[in-house]
């Protein structure tokens, strides 16, 4: 799937296709002002924009999902409708995720336990319905917990899957806003790796979830965002 190109008389970084790549979020990240301006020009879902290599180089499917999850933003929301605070959270999450992953040499067993990464790969087909035996019924509670554990984040919130930007996308609606909300995410420095049981996830939810809930945008900022979007639409029609 790879290609080897020979460049004569020109630096590879100044030649096609490398010169078409966007900023590198690890080695050459733009500032938040430039990031905001670039992202707002994208009239496409956030997930699609993050995967666009002409926007940001090197961001793949799992990083895009992780950024949206940690920022508390639904990955299907259109970039030109994002609030200033949401974009700041997306920017900060992208920086933090890439920096941390590089610092541990992308050893996912050393990723914080509250990262979506550990749980997003668990997509599976629902079991076919069949007539239950007495033994099946007696195990129904255990089976239900196993299913919830298999399809939930570190706090036990259900993970659902949608296709956004042509890619399978893991979403936790309890923690990702479809409107103007966001999250102030912090890495769980006390525990790394995957949380193995649903009971442990629920315990973490009771103890820690207040620190990670969605924050609603204040009315003034919402009005400002709508006003700006209206002005941009009027400019586009001129």
Protein backbone atom coordinates (compact mmCIF):
# COMPACT_ATOMS: atom_id res chain seq x y z
CA UNK A 1 0.00 0.00 0.00
CA UNK A 2 3.03 2.29 0.09
CA UNK A 3 4.73 4.30 -2.65
CA UNK A 4 8.36 5.32 -3.22
CA UNK A 5 8.91 8.62 -5.02
CA UNK A 6 12.16 10.00 -6.45
CA UNK A 7 12.58 13.76 -6.12
CA UNK A 8 15.15 15.54 -8.27
CA UNK A 9 16.24 19.11 -7.67
CA UNK A 10 13.58 19.88 -5.09
CA UNK A 11 13.11 19.16 -1.42
CA UNK A 12 10.39 16.50 -0.82
CA UNK A 13 8.62 18.85 1.59
CA UNK A 14 8.25 21.40 -1.25
CA UNK A 15 6.98 18.89 -3.80
CA UNK A 16 3.74 17.00 -4.41
CA UNK A 17 2.22 15.25 -2.49
CA UNK A 18 3.94 16.25 0.75
CA UNK A 19 3.46 19.97 0.24
CA UNK A 20 -0.31 19.39 0.18
CA UNK A 21 -0.28 17.97 3.71
CA UNK A 22 -1.70 20.01 6.57
CA UNK A 23 0.00 20.86 9.86
CA UNK A 24 1.67 18.20 11.96
CA UNK A 25 -0.05 18.17 15.39
CA UNK A 26 3.13 16.91 17.06
CA UNK A 27 6.01 18.75 15.39
CA UNK A 28 4.40 21.73 13.69
CA UNK A 29 1.09 22.52 15.35
CA UNK A 30 -0.43 25.86 14.45
CA UNK A 31 -1.71 28.17 17.16
CA UNK A 32 -5.33 28.09 18.28
CA UNK A 33 -6.23 31.23 16.30
CA UNK A 34 -5.07 29.72 13.00
CA UNK A 35 -6.61 26.38 13.92
CA UNK A 36 -9.96 28.06 14.55
CA UNK A 37 -9.87 29.90 11.21
CA UNK A 38 -8.90 26.74 9.29
CA UNK A 39 -11.50 24.56 10.99
CA UNK A 40 -14.30 27.07 10.49
CA UNK A 41 -13.70 26.99 6.73
CA UNK A 42 -14.55 23.28 6.69
CA UNK A 43 -18.23 22.84 5.88
CA UNK A 44 -18.12 19.18 6.77
CA UNK A 45 -18.44 17.01 9.90
CA UNK A 46 -15.71 17.33 12.51
CA UNK A 47 -14.65 13.70 12.03
CA UNK A 48 -14.23 14.20 8.28
CA UNK A 49 -12.17 17.36 8.83
CA UNK A 50 -9.83 15.67 11.32
CA UNK A 51 -9.23 12.83 8.87
CA UNK A 52 -8.54 15.27 6.03
CA UNK A 53 -4.74 15.06 5.61
CA UNK A 54 -4.69 18.45 3.87
CA UNK A 55 -5.98 19.89 7.15
CA UNK A 56 -3.97 17.95 9.71
CA UNK A 57 -1.41 15.33 8.73
CA UNK A 58 -1.19 12.01 10.54
CA UNK A 59 -4.56 11.96 12.31
CA UNK A 60 -6.21 8.58 11.81
CA UNK A 61 -9.52 7.04 12.82
CA UNK A 62 -8.81 6.33 16.48
CA UNK A 63 -7.24 9.74 17.15
CA UNK A 64 -10.19 11.53 15.51
CA UNK A 65 -12.63 9.57 17.71
CA UNK A 66 -10.52 10.24 20.80
CA UNK A 67 -10.35 13.98 20.12
CA UNK A 68 -14.13 14.26 19.76
CA UNK A 69 -14.69 12.12 22.88
CA UNK A 70 -12.29 14.05 25.10
CA UNK A 71 -13.56 17.39 23.80
CA UNK A 72 -17.14 16.31 24.48
CA UNK A 73 -18.27 17.05 20.92
CA UNK A 74 -20.35 14.86 18.61
CA UNK A 75 -18.05 13.97 15.67
CA UNK A 76 -20.85 14.52 13.16
CA UNK A 77 -21.33 18.19 14.04
CA UNK A 78 -20.38 20.53 11.18
CA UNK A 79 -17.18 22.48 11.74
CA UNK A 80 -18.62 25.86 10.72
CA UNK A 81 -21.21 25.60 13.51
CA UNK A 82 -18.76 24.93 16.35
CA UNK A 83 -18.51 27.47 19.17
CA UNK A 84 -15.21 29.10 20.15
CA UNK A 85 -15.06 27.04 23.34
CA UNK A 86 -15.68 23.78 21.49
CA UNK A 87 -12.87 24.54 19.05
CA UNK A 88 -10.52 25.37 21.93
CA UNK A 89 -11.36 22.03 23.53
CA UNK A 90 -10.83 20.19 20.22
CA UNK A 91 -7.49 21.95 19.76
CA UNK A 92 -6.36 21.13 23.31
CA UNK A 93 -7.49 17.52 23.05
CA UNK A 94 -5.64 16.98 19.78
CA UNK A 95 -2.43 18.39 21.25
CA UNK A 96 -2.73 16.39 24.47
CA UNK A 97 -3.57 13.06 22.81
CA UNK A 98 -0.78 13.17 20.24
CA UNK A 99 1.79 14.41 22.77
CA UNK A 100 0.89 11.70 25.29
CA UNK A 101 0.79 8.88 22.71
CA UNK A 102 4.25 9.86 21.43
CA UNK A 103 5.62 10.11 24.98
CA UNK A 104 4.79 6.44 25.63
CA UNK A 105 5.89 5.31 22.12
CA UNK A 106 2.24 4.57 21.23
CA UNK A 107 2.20 1.72 23.77
CA UNK A 108 -1.58 1.61 24.29
CA UNK A 109 -1.26 -0.38 27.51
CA UNK A 110 0.18 2.83 28.96
CA UNK A 111 -2.68 5.04 27.76
CA UNK A 112 -4.85 6.41 30.61
CA UNK A 113 -7.75 4.13 31.44
CA UNK A 114 -10.34 6.84 30.74
CA UNK A 115 -9.34 7.11 27.07
CA UNK A 116 -11.96 5.86 24.62
CA UNK A 117 -9.21 4.00 22.79
CA UNK A 118 -9.38 0.99 25.11
CA UNK A 119 -13.09 0.41 24.47
CA UNK A 120 -13.84 1.63 20.92
CA UNK A 121 -12.66 -1.57 19.22
CA UNK A 122 -15.39 -3.69 20.78
CA UNK A 123 -17.97 -3.31 18.03
CA UNK A 124 -19.73 -6.63 17.53
CA UNK A 125 -22.89 -7.95 15.99
CA UNK A 126 -25.81 -8.43 18.35
CA UNK A 127 -26.42 -12.09 19.11
CA UNK A 128 -29.23 -13.74 17.18
CA UNK A 129 -32.45 -14.10 19.12
CA UNK A 130 -33.36 -17.65 20.05
CA UNK A 131 -35.65 -19.43 22.42
CA UNK A 132 -34.18 -19.25 25.89
CA UNK A 133 -33.72 -22.29 28.09
CA UNK A 134 -33.96 -22.14 31.88
CA UNK A 135 -30.17 -22.04 32.02
CA UNK A 136 -30.07 -19.13 29.59
CA UNK A 137 -32.60 -17.18 31.66
CA UNK A 138 -30.65 -17.74 34.86
CA UNK A 139 -27.59 -16.29 33.19
CA UNK A 140 -29.42 -13.35 31.59
CA UNK A 141 -28.22 -10.82 34.16
CA UNK A 142 -24.61 -11.90 33.73
CA UNK A 143 -24.95 -11.83 29.95
CA UNK A 144 -26.47 -8.35 30.09
CA UNK A 145 -23.57 -7.08 32.17
CA UNK A 146 -21.08 -8.68 29.80
CA UNK A 147 -22.77 -6.91 26.89
CA UNK A 148 -22.70 -3.55 28.70
CA UNK A 149 -19.06 -4.04 29.60
CA UNK A 150 -18.25 -4.91 26.00
CA UNK A 151 -19.96 -1.80 24.62
CA UNK A 152 -19.20 0.95 27.16
CA UNK A 153 -16.48 3.45 28.01
CA UNK A 154 -14.49 3.54 31.24
CA UNK A 155 -17.50 4.98 33.11
CA UNK A 156 -19.98 2.40 31.81
CA UNK A 157 -21.62 4.78 29.32
CA UNK A 158 -22.87 2.96 26.19
CA UNK A 159 -20.79 3.26 23.02
CA UNK A 160 -22.71 3.48 19.74
CA UNK A 161 -21.36 3.39 16.21
CA UNK A 162 -22.10 5.56 13.21
CA UNK A 163 -20.45 6.03 9.84
CA UNK A 164 -19.10 9.59 9.64
CA UNK A 165 -16.66 10.78 7.02
CA UNK A 166 -16.81 7.32 5.49
CA UNK A 167 -15.38 5.68 8.63
CA UNK A 168 -16.85 3.72 11.51
CA UNK A 169 -17.07 6.15 14.44
CA UNK A 170 -17.40 5.34 18.15
CA UNK A 171 -19.60 7.78 20.08
CA UNK A 172 -20.67 8.16 23.72
CA UNK A 173 -23.75 10.36 23.58
CA UNK A 174 -23.83 10.85 27.37
CA UNK A 175 -20.51 12.69 27.08
CA UNK A 176 -20.57 14.13 23.55
CA UNK A 177 -22.80 17.05 22.66
CA UNK A 178 -24.73 17.40 19.42
CA UNK A 179 -25.28 21.09 20.12
CA UNK A 180 -22.95 23.51 21.92
CA UNK A 181 -21.66 21.50 24.88
CA UNK A 182 -18.08 20.48 25.62
CA UNK A 183 -16.01 18.66 28.23
CA UNK A 184 -13.00 19.56 30.36
CA UNK A 185 -11.16 16.26 30.11
CA UNK A 186 -8.29 15.18 32.35
CA UNK A 187 -6.15 12.09 31.96
CA UNK A 188 -6.58 9.49 34.68
CA UNK A 189 -3.00 9.54 35.95
CA UNK A 190 -3.69 6.90 38.60
CA UNK A 191 -4.61 4.09 36.25
CA UNK A 192 -3.59 3.02 32.76
CA UNK A 193 -4.89 0.30 30.47
CA UNK A 194 -8.37 -1.07 30.05
CA UNK A 195 -10.99 -1.30 32.83
CA UNK A 196 -12.02 -4.92 32.71
CA UNK A 197 -15.38 -5.19 34.48
CA UNK A 198 -18.66 -3.30 34.25
CA UNK A 199 -18.97 -3.10 38.07
CA UNK A 200 -15.61 -1.33 38.23
CA UNK A 201 -16.74 1.08 35.50
CA UNK A 202 -19.90 1.94 37.44
CA UNK A 203 -17.87 2.56 40.58
CA UNK A 204 -15.64 4.95 38.63
CA UNK A 205 -18.74 6.70 37.29
CA UNK A 206 -20.01 7.38 40.80
CA UNK A 207 -16.63 8.60 42.03
CA UNK A 208 -15.27 10.54 39.07
CA UNK A 209 -17.95 11.35 36.54
CA UNK A 210 -18.72 14.83 37.93
CA UNK A 211 -15.31 15.92 36.60
CA UNK A 212 -16.09 14.80 33.07
CA UNK A 213 -19.72 15.74 32.47
CA UNK A 214 -20.80 17.91 29.57
CA UNK A 215 -20.70 21.65 30.19
CA UNK A 216 -23.46 23.70 28.62
CA UNK A 217 -22.42 26.79 26.69
CA UNK A 218 -23.72 30.04 28.17
CA UNK A 219 -26.45 31.80 26.21
CA UNK A 220 -24.25 34.77 25.30
CA UNK A 221 -21.71 32.58 23.54
CA UNK A 222 -24.44 30.68 21.72
CA UNK A 223 -25.87 33.96 20.39
CA UNK A 224 -22.39 35.10 19.31
CA UNK A 225 -21.79 31.85 17.42
CA UNK A 226 -25.13 32.05 15.60
CA UNK A 227 -24.51 35.71 14.71
CA UNK A 228 -21.05 34.92 13.33
CA UNK A 229 -22.38 32.01 11.25
CA UNK A 230 -25.11 34.26 9.82
CA UNK A 231 -22.54 36.91 8.86
CA UNK A 232 -20.36 34.27 7.16
CA UNK A 233 -23.35 32.97 5.19
CA UNK A 234 -24.16 36.52 4.05
CA UNK A 235 -20.55 37.02 2.93
CA UNK A 236 -20.65 33.78 0.94
CA UNK A 237 -23.73 34.92 -0.97
CA UNK A 238 -22.23 38.25 -1.99
